[in-house]
Amino acid sequence: MNFLEGTLQEGGGPVLMLQGGSRLKLSHAPVNSAGKLVTLGVRPEDILLGGEDGVDAAVKVVEPTGSETHVAVDLEGKELTWGVRERIELVPEQRVKLSFETPKVHFFDRQTQHRLEA
């Protein structure tokens, strides 16, 4: 699982503000969580190729494995693993936009490390 730390914000939908300033638009967030420091957990296969609201990342490694491709990306200095099932042509150093607008993300309280229900 990939983990990103940030602060949850509201206003036109939930957003996770990362420490470097990137804004991850989310499909949902825990109730009454605006301003809360959280860790977002997302599995590689649940990261999506983003559109206009996607967050910018740099491709580091592309590893075709047959039925899917594993891609290591850099997002604000943090390496994430992204699992792509469709055929996609990517090369190292290519810029991509990723989306985390999926109900399959998980939230954890940064202090207690307990999972937060969303």
Protein backbone atom coordinates (compact mmCIF):
# COMPACT_ATOMS: atom_id res chain seq x y z
CA MET A 1 0.00 0.00 0.00
CA ASN A 2 1.15 3.53 -0.76
CA PHE A 3 0.97 6.14 2.01
CA LEU A 4 0.76 9.93 1.68
CA GLU A 5 0.61 12.41 4.54
CA GLY A 6 -1.33 15.64 4.43
CA THR A 7 -4.13 17.78 5.79
CA LEU A 8 -7.76 17.23 4.84
CA GLN A 9 -9.68 20.25 3.57
CA GLU A 10 -13.24 20.87 2.46
CA GLY A 11 -14.68 23.31 -0.04
CA GLY A 12 -16.13 21.97 -3.25
CA GLY A 13 -15.36 18.43 -2.13
CA PRO A 14 -12.70 16.80 0.02
CA VAL A 15 -9.05 17.50 -0.76
CA LEU A 16 -5.83 16.23 0.78
CA MET A 17 -3.18 18.97 0.86
CA LEU A 18 0.25 17.39 0.71
CA GLN A 19 3.24 18.97 2.45
CA GLY A 20 4.70 20.15 -0.87
CA GLY A 21 1.49 21.94 -1.86
CA SER A 22 -0.11 19.39 -4.18
CA ARG A 23 -3.88 19.05 -3.87
CA LEU A 24 -5.30 15.53 -4.14
CA LYS A 25 -9.00 15.68 -4.94
CA LEU A 26 -10.82 12.84 -3.15
CA SER A 27 -14.20 11.18 -3.64
CA HIS A 28 -14.84 11.11 0.12
CA ALA A 29 -13.28 11.79 3.52
CA PRO A 30 -14.04 11.00 7.16
CA VAL A 31 -16.86 13.07 8.69
CA ASN A 32 -15.78 16.29 10.46
CA SER A 33 -12.19 15.85 9.28
CA ALA A 34 -11.42 19.28 7.80
CA GLY A 35 -8.06 20.47 9.12
CA LYS A 36 -7.11 17.01 10.38
CA LEU A 37 -3.62 15.61 9.74
CA VAL A 38 -4.02 12.20 8.15
CA THR A 39 -2.19 9.48 6.31
CA LEU A 40 -3.91 8.41 3.10
CA GLY A 41 -3.45 4.77 2.11
CA VAL A 42 -4.08 3.61 -1.45
CA ARG A 43 -3.25 0.33 -3.12
CA PRO A 44 -1.29 0.45 -6.41
CA GLU A 45 -4.23 -0.84 -8.46
CA ASP A 46 -6.53 1.87 -7.06
CA ILE A 47 -4.51 4.82 -8.35
CA LEU A 48 -6.06 6.16 -11.54
CA LEU A 49 -4.66 8.01 -14.51
CA GLY A 50 -6.04 11.49 -13.73
CA GLY A 51 -7.65 14.11 -15.85
CA GLU A 52 -7.74 17.85 -15.22
CA ASP A 53 -7.91 17.37 -11.44
CA GLY A 54 -5.06 14.87 -11.34
CA VAL A 55 -1.86 15.55 -9.44
CA ASP A 56 1.43 15.77 -11.31
CA ALA A 57 3.93 12.90 -10.89
CA ALA A 58 7.08 11.75 -12.69
CA VAL A 59 7.50 8.21 -13.98
CA LYS A 60 10.65 6.60 -12.60
CA VAL A 61 10.46 2.91 -13.59
CA VAL A 62 8.11 1.00 -15.92
CA GLU A 63 7.92 -2.77 -15.42
CA PRO A 64 5.60 -4.72 -17.74
CA THR A 65 4.61 -7.99 -16.03
CA GLY A 66 2.26 -9.47 -18.60
CA SER A 67 -1.34 -8.77 -17.59
CA GLU A 68 -0.44 -5.46 -15.94
CA THR A 69 2.34 -2.93 -15.70
CA HIS A 70 3.92 -1.78 -12.45
CA VAL A 71 5.02 1.83 -12.52
CA ALA A 72 7.12 3.61 -9.90
CA VAL A 73 6.29 7.32 -9.83
CA ASP A 74 7.65 10.26 -7.86
CA LEU A 75 5.05 12.48 -6.22
CA GLU A 76 6.62 15.34 -4.28
CA GLY A 77 9.72 13.28 -3.55
CA LYS A 78 7.70 10.27 -2.38
CA GLU A 79 7.88 7.11 -4.46
CA LEU A 80 4.53 5.43 -5.14
CA THR A 81 3.81 2.15 -6.88
CA TRP A 82 1.03 2.33 -9.45
CA GLY A 83 -0.53 -0.79 -11.00
CA VAL A 84 -1.90 -0.33 -14.53
CA ARG A 85 -4.03 -3.08 -16.10
CA GLU A 86 -4.61 -1.40 -19.47
CA ARG A 87 -1.93 -1.24 -22.12
CA ILE A 88 -0.21 2.09 -21.67
CA GLU A 89 3.01 3.47 -23.13
CA LEU A 90 5.08 5.17 -20.44
CA VAL A 91 8.78 6.03 -20.28
CA PRO A 92 11.00 7.14 -17.39
CA GLU A 93 10.88 10.90 -16.65
CA GLN A 94 7.48 11.21 -18.38
CA ARG A 95 5.05 13.47 -16.50
CA VAL A 96 1.63 11.98 -15.72
CA LYS A 97 -1.44 13.14 -13.81
CA LEU A 98 -2.72 10.71 -11.19
CA SER A 99 -6.10 10.65 -9.50
CA PHE A 100 -7.07 9.39 -6.05
CA GLU A 101 -10.82 9.94 -6.54
CA THR A 102 -11.82 6.42 -5.62
CA PRO A 103 -13.85 5.05 -2.74
CA LYS A 104 -11.04 2.55 -2.17
CA VAL A 105 -8.67 4.93 -0.33
CA HIS A 106 -8.10 4.53 3.41
CA PHE A 107 -7.57 7.21 6.04
CA PHE A 108 -5.45 6.92 9.19
CA ASP A 109 -5.07 9.37 12.08
CA ARG A 110 -1.44 10.54 12.03
CA GLN A 111 -1.13 10.60 15.81
CA THR A 112 -2.85 7.36 16.81
CA GLN A 113 -2.36 5.48 13.50
CA HIS A 114 -5.96 4.23 13.86
CA ARG A 115 -8.07 3.85 10.74
CA LEU A 116 -10.68 6.58 10.28
CA GLU A 117 -14.08 5.56 8.90
CA ALA A 118 -15.13 7.53 5.85
